[in-house]
Amino acid sequence: MSLTFTLDPAVGPALRDGVLDLWTDVSNAGGSVGFVPPVTREAIRPELLKHFAAMAEGRTRLLVGHDPDGQVAATVFLTFNTHRLMRHWVWLYTVMVHPRHQGKGYGRDLLAAAERAARSFDGVDAIRINCRGGEGLERFYGSCGYKEVGRIPDAIQVAPGDRRDDVIMLLPLD
């Protein structure tokens, strides 16, 4: 079975709670989405509200994947670069697939749907993503066509004494 993707879904309580639950579950499973376990919904909620505010302002778009049961199973936020010299690429943020769906190819499906969405944006010819080193994410994104274009050593402090590289990856859309 596959996911059903929607770009710019209506934000209501079900979607808000679904994304919040997804983000919490992914974080607590060790996913590299801005938090380290253990984390609560209440700790994540302010970050989600920031994403929703950016959506309301037109700076960010949300792509959601629902599983066959209608549950939020995957998300990615596509954020436009506001710098006048860099408007030709978008950022991917908070790329998540629920842990119960890991290993089903949904991550690749999500990135392919994000690429299709980005191709539909006027003037956008690349996607940029940063990922936490030491998690194997560079290999995954690389297998989806992204190229490592930069690395900042020890830029992410996961815990005292545990620092990871910030890996910058790019997918040209030409």
C-alpha atoms as a PDB file:
ATOM      1  CA  MET A   1       0.000   0.000   0.000  1.00  0.00           C
ATOM      2  CA  SER A   2       1.141   3.536  -0.585  1.00  0.00           C
ATOM      3  CA  LEU A   3       0.614   6.955   0.914  1.00  0.00           C
ATOM      4  CA  THR A   4      -1.723   9.589  -0.467  1.00  0.00           C
ATOM      5  CA  PHE A   5       0.058  12.947  -0.635  1.00  0.00           C
ATOM      6  CA  THR A   6      -1.586  16.349  -0.324  1.00  0.00           C
ATOM      7  CA  LEU A   7       0.158  19.671  -0.799  1.00  0.00           C
ATOM      8  CA  ASP A   8      -1.274  22.498   1.306  1.00  0.00           C
ATOM      9  CA  PRO A   9      -3.949  20.533   3.163  1.00  0.00           C
ATOM     10  CA  ALA A  10      -6.508  22.442   5.198  1.00  0.00           C
ATOM     11  CA  VAL A  11      -5.157  22.884   8.703  1.00  0.00           C
ATOM     12  CA  GLY A  12      -7.674  21.811  11.302  1.00  0.00           C
ATOM     13  CA  PRO A  13      -7.531  19.945  14.599  1.00  0.00           C
ATOM     14  CA  ALA A  14      -7.128  16.504  12.996  1.00  0.00           C
ATOM     15  CA  LEU A  15      -4.191  17.573  10.833  1.00  0.00           C
ATOM     16  CA  ARG A  16      -2.589  19.583  13.643  1.00  0.00           C
ATOM     17  CA  ASP A  17      -2.839  16.658  16.063  1.00  0.00           C
ATOM     18  CA  GLY A  18      -1.715  14.181  13.406  1.00  0.00           C
ATOM     19  CA  VAL A  19       1.435  16.171  12.594  1.00  0.00           C
ATOM     20  CA  LEU A  20       2.114  16.761  16.291  1.00  0.00           C
ATOM     21  CA  ASP A  21       1.777  13.039  17.048  1.00  0.00           C
ATOM     22  CA  LEU A  22       3.967  12.154  14.073  1.00  0.00           C
ATOM     23  CA  TRP A  23       6.673  14.619  15.116  1.00  0.00           C
ATOM     24  CA  THR A  24       6.592  13.324  18.698  1.00  0.00           C
ATOM     25  CA  ASP A  25       6.752   9.671  17.647  1.00  0.00           C
ATOM     26  CA  VAL A  26       9.548  10.276  15.133  1.00  0.00           C
ATOM     27  CA  SER A  27      11.552  12.261  17.687  1.00  0.00           C
ATOM     28  CA  ASN A  28      11.122   9.653  20.403  1.00  0.00           C
ATOM     29  CA  ALA A  29      12.194   6.939  17.961  1.00  0.00           C
ATOM     30  CA  GLY A  30      15.474   8.832  17.476  1.00  0.00           C
ATOM     31  CA  GLY A  31      14.598  10.672  14.266  1.00  0.00           C
ATOM     32  CA  SER A  32      16.671  13.732  13.422  1.00  0.00           C
ATOM     33  CA  VAL A  33      13.886  16.307  13.339  1.00  0.00           C
ATOM     34  CA  GLY A  34      15.052  18.973  15.761  1.00  0.00           C
ATOM     35  CA  PHE A  35      14.570  17.198  19.076  1.00  0.00           C
ATOM     36  CA  VAL A  36      16.179  14.383  21.014  1.00  0.00           C
ATOM     37  CA  PRO A  37      14.258  11.808  23.009  1.00  0.00           C
ATOM     38  CA  PRO A  38      12.466  11.892  25.273  1.00  0.00           C
ATOM     39  CA  VAL A  39      10.262  14.724  24.058  1.00  0.00           C
ATOM     40  CA  THR A  40       6.608  15.553  24.642  1.00  0.00           C
ATOM     41  CA  ARG A  41       3.910  16.931  22.389  1.00  0.00           C
ATOM     42  CA  GLU A  42       3.945  20.085  24.522  1.00  0.00           C
ATOM     43  CA  ALA A  43       7.654  20.650  23.793  1.00  0.00           C
ATOM     44  CA  ILE A  44       7.101  20.241  20.046  1.00  0.00           C
ATOM     45  CA  ARG A  45       3.877  22.257  19.786  1.00  0.00           C
ATOM     46  CA  PRO A  46       5.590  25.725  19.667  1.00  0.00           C
ATOM     47  CA  GLU A  47       7.778  24.603  16.741  1.00  0.00           C
ATOM     48  CA  LEU A  48       4.767  23.258  14.882  1.00  0.00           C
ATOM     49  CA  LEU A  49       2.940  26.536  15.450  1.00  0.00           C
ATOM     50  CA  LYS A  50       5.927  28.400  13.956  1.00  0.00           C
ATOM     51  CA  HIS A  51       5.647  26.228  10.833  1.00  0.00           C
ATOM     52  CA  PHE A  52       1.889  26.891  10.638  1.00  0.00           C
ATOM     53  CA  ALA A  53       2.504  30.652  11.006  1.00  0.00           C
ATOM     54  CA  ALA A  54       5.001  30.517   8.123  1.00  0.00           C
ATOM     55  CA  MET A  55       2.378  28.651   6.087  1.00  0.00           C
ATOM     56  CA  ALA A  56      -0.210  31.334   6.822  1.00  0.00           C
ATOM     57  CA  GLU A  57       2.276  33.970   5.652  1.00  0.00           C
ATOM     58  CA  GLY A  58       2.946  32.061   2.412  1.00  0.00           C
ATOM     59  CA  ARG A  59       6.605  31.362   3.260  1.00  0.00           C
ATOM     60  CA  THR A  60       6.156  27.630   3.774  1.00  0.00           C
ATOM     61  CA  ARG A  61       4.109  24.858   2.162  1.00  0.00           C
ATOM     62  CA  LEU A  62       3.174  21.566   3.816  1.00  0.00           C
ATOM     63  CA  LEU A  63       3.170  18.216   2.083  1.00  0.00           C
ATOM     64  CA  VAL A  64       1.393  15.469   4.025  1.00  0.00           C
ATOM     65  CA  GLY A  65       1.240  11.744   3.331  1.00  0.00           C
ATOM     66  CA  HIS A  66      -1.734   9.860   4.729  1.00  0.00           C
ATOM     67  CA  ASP A  67      -1.669   6.096   5.127  1.00  0.00           C
ATOM     68  CA  PRO A  68      -4.547   3.879   3.915  1.00  0.00           C
ATOM     69  CA  ASP A  69      -6.245   4.347   7.318  1.00  0.00           C
ATOM     70  CA  GLY A  70      -6.241   8.128   6.830  1.00  0.00           C
ATOM     71  CA  GLN A  71      -3.596   8.751   9.478  1.00  0.00           C
ATOM     72  CA  VAL A  72      -0.810  11.307   9.024  1.00  0.00           C
ATOM     73  CA  ALA A  73       2.135   9.068   8.172  1.00  0.00           C
ATOM     74  CA  ALA A  74       4.658  11.433   6.594  1.00  0.00           C
ATOM     75  CA  THR A  75       5.321  15.146   6.253  1.00  0.00           C
ATOM     76  CA  VAL A  76       7.760  17.655   4.888  1.00  0.00           C
ATOM     77  CA  PHE A  77       7.674  21.434   5.035  1.00  0.00           C
ATOM     78  CA  LEU A  78       8.914  23.217   1.894  1.00  0.00           C
ATOM     79  CA  THR A  79      10.130  26.698   2.746  1.00  0.00           C
ATOM     80  CA  PHE A  80      10.853  29.425   0.243  1.00  0.00           C
ATOM     81  CA  ASN A  81      14.130  31.264   0.527  1.00  0.00           C
ATOM     82  CA  THR A  82      13.361  34.942   1.090  1.00  0.00           C
ATOM     83  CA  HIS A  83      16.803  36.262   0.203  1.00  0.00           C
ATOM     84  CA  ARG A  84      16.421  38.032  -3.159  1.00  0.00           C
ATOM     85  CA  LEU A  85      19.508  36.305  -4.593  1.00  0.00           C
ATOM     86  CA  MET A  86      18.469  32.817  -3.483  1.00  0.00           C
ATOM     87  CA  ARG A  87      14.809  32.539  -4.396  1.00  0.00           C
ATOM     88  CA  HIS A  88      15.609  29.864  -6.965  1.00  0.00           C
ATOM     89  CA  TRP A  89      15.716  27.082  -4.366  1.00  0.00           C
ATOM     90  CA  VAL A  90      13.549  25.849  -1.489  1.00  0.00           C
ATOM     91  CA  TRP A  91      14.432  24.244   1.827  1.00  0.00           C
ATOM     92  CA  LEU A  92      13.008  20.947   3.046  1.00  0.00           C
ATOM     93  CA  TYR A  93      12.354  20.908   6.785  1.00  0.00           C
ATOM     94  CA  THR A  94      11.067  18.318   9.198  1.00  0.00           C
ATOM     95  CA  VAL A  95      11.141  15.395   6.778  1.00  0.00           C
ATOM     96  CA  MET A  96       9.314  12.635   8.662  1.00  0.00           C
ATOM     97  CA  VAL A  97       7.916   9.170   8.114  1.00  0.00           C
ATOM     98  CA  HIS A  98       6.217   7.495  11.057  1.00  0.00           C
ATOM     99  CA  PRO A  99       8.346   4.739  12.630  1.00  0.00           C
ATOM    100  CA  ARG A 100       5.622   2.149  12.003  1.00  0.00           C
ATOM    101  CA  HIS A 101       6.048   2.804   8.282  1.00  0.00           C
ATOM    102  CA  GLN A 102       9.843   2.685   8.133  1.00  0.00           C
ATOM    103  CA  GLY A 103      11.245   0.324   5.525  1.00  0.00           C
ATOM    104  CA  LYS A 104       8.239   0.528   3.195  1.00  0.00           C
ATOM    105  CA  GLY A 105       9.751   3.029   0.760  1.00  0.00           C
ATOM    106  CA  TYR A 106       7.612   5.874   2.070  1.00  0.00           C
ATOM    107  CA  GLY A 107      10.658   8.093   2.636  1.00  0.00           C
ATOM    108  CA  ARG A 108      11.529   7.861  -1.050  1.00  0.00           C
ATOM    109  CA  ASP A 109       7.894   8.438  -1.949  1.00  0.00           C
ATOM    110  CA  LEU A 110       7.814  11.529   0.275  1.00  0.00           C
ATOM    111  CA  LEU A 111      10.957  12.970  -1.296  1.00  0.00           C
ATOM    112  CA  ALA A 112       9.640  12.264  -4.802  1.00  0.00           C
ATOM    113  CA  ALA A 113       6.381  14.039  -3.933  1.00  0.00           C
ATOM    114  CA  ALA A 114       8.371  16.973  -2.503  1.00  0.00           C
ATOM    115  CA  GLU A 115      10.376  17.138  -5.724  1.00  0.00           C
ATOM    116  CA  ARG A 116       7.174  17.190  -7.799  1.00  0.00           C
ATOM    117  CA  ALA A 117       5.807  19.967  -5.597  1.00  0.00           C
ATOM    118  CA  ALA A 118       9.011  22.022  -5.869  1.00  0.00           C
ATOM    119  CA  ARG A 119       9.004  21.653  -9.648  1.00  0.00           C
ATOM    120  CA  SER A 120       5.555  23.281  -9.679  1.00  0.00           C
ATOM    121  CA  PHE A 121       6.819  26.438  -7.918  1.00  0.00           C
ATOM    122  CA  ASP A 122       7.664  29.299 -10.275  1.00  0.00           C
ATOM    123  CA  GLY A 123      11.380  29.993 -10.522  1.00  0.00           C
ATOM    124  CA  VAL A 124      12.501  27.142  -8.250  1.00  0.00           C
ATOM    125  CA  ASP A 125      15.243  24.982  -9.714  1.00  0.00           C
ATOM    126  CA  ALA A 126      16.744  23.258  -6.664  1.00  0.00           C
ATOM    127  CA  ILE A 127      15.920  21.786  -3.275  1.00  0.00           C
ATOM    128  CA  ARG A 128      18.232  22.140  -0.307  1.00  0.00           C
ATOM    129  CA  ILE A 129      18.179  20.094   2.871  1.00  0.00           C
ATOM    130  CA  ASN A 130      20.392  19.958   5.923  1.00  0.00           C
ATOM    131  CA  CYS A 131      20.730  16.760   7.871  1.00  0.00           C
ATOM    132  CA  ARG A 132      22.424  15.569  11.025  1.00  0.00           C
ATOM    133  CA  GLY A 133      25.597  13.620  10.374  1.00  0.00           C
ATOM    134  CA  GLY A 134      26.197  10.233  11.933  1.00  0.00           C
ATOM    135  CA  GLU A 135      22.686   8.939  11.261  1.00  0.00           C
ATOM    136  CA  GLY A 136      23.116   7.580   7.731  1.00  0.00           C
ATOM    137  CA  LEU A 137      20.878  10.296   6.338  1.00  0.00           C
ATOM    138  CA  GLU A 138      23.480  11.447   3.830  1.00  0.00           C
ATOM    139  CA  ARG A 139      23.423   7.992   2.235  1.00  0.00           C
ATOM    140  CA  PHE A 140      19.637   7.949   2.124  1.00  0.00           C
ATOM    141  CA  TYR A 141      19.318  11.426   0.616  1.00  0.00           C
ATOM    142  CA  GLY A 142      22.191  10.619  -1.748  1.00  0.00           C
ATOM    143  CA  SER A 143      20.315   7.558  -2.969  1.00  0.00           C
ATOM    144  CA  CYS A 144      17.395   9.879  -3.752  1.00  0.00           C
ATOM    145  CA  GLY A 145      19.545  12.106  -5.965  1.00  0.00           C
ATOM    146  CA  TYR A 146      20.742  14.708  -3.469  1.00  0.00           C
ATOM    147  CA  LYS A 147      24.417  15.649  -3.494  1.00  0.00           C
ATOM    148  CA  GLU A 148      26.420  16.679  -0.475  1.00  0.00           C
ATOM    149  CA  VAL A 149      27.572  20.257  -1.116  1.00  0.00           C
ATOM    150  CA  GLY A 150      28.847  21.211   2.318  1.00  0.00           C
ATOM    151  CA  ARG A 151      29.503  20.054   5.842  1.00  0.00           C
ATOM    152  CA  ILE A 152      29.965  21.987   9.062  1.00  0.00           C
ATOM    153  CA  PRO A 153      31.792  19.787  11.588  1.00  0.00           C
ATOM    154  CA  ASP A 154      30.320  19.504  15.101  1.00  0.00           C
ATOM    155  CA  ALA A 155      27.610  22.093  14.364  1.00  0.00           C
ATOM    156  CA  ILE A 156      24.794  20.143  16.027  1.00  0.00           C
ATOM    157  CA  GLN A 157      25.019  19.343  19.728  1.00  0.00           C
ATOM    158  CA  VAL A 158      22.698  16.437  20.427  1.00  0.00           C
ATOM    159  CA  ALA A 159      23.869  16.109  24.027  1.00  0.00           C
ATOM    160  CA  PRO A 160      26.870  17.227  26.082  1.00  0.00           C
ATOM    161  CA  GLY A 161      29.891  15.645  24.425  1.00  0.00           C
ATOM    162  CA  ASP A 162      27.838  14.439  21.427  1.00  0.00           C
ATOM    163  CA  ARG A 163      28.215  16.747  18.463  1.00  0.00           C
ATOM    164  CA  ARG A 164      27.324  15.932  14.884  1.00  0.00           C
ATOM    165  CA  ASP A 165      28.115  17.463  11.528  1.00  0.00           C
ATOM    166  CA  ASP A 166      25.534  19.611   9.789  1.00  0.00           C
ATOM    167  CA  VAL A 167      25.435  18.148   6.276  1.00  0.00           C
ATOM    168  CA  ILE A 168      24.163  20.357   3.453  1.00  0.00           C
ATOM    169  CA  MET A 169      22.653  18.550   0.478  1.00  0.00           C
ATOM    170  CA  LEU A 170      21.197  19.813  -2.788  1.00  0.00           C
ATOM    171  CA  LEU A 171      18.943  18.380  -5.468  1.00  0.00           C
ATOM    172  CA  PRO A 172      19.053  20.325  -8.750  1.00  0.00           C
ATOM    173  CA  LEU A 173      15.701  20.213 -10.553  1.00  0.00           C
ATOM    174  CA  ASP A 174      16.986  20.835 -14.067  1.00  0.00           C
END
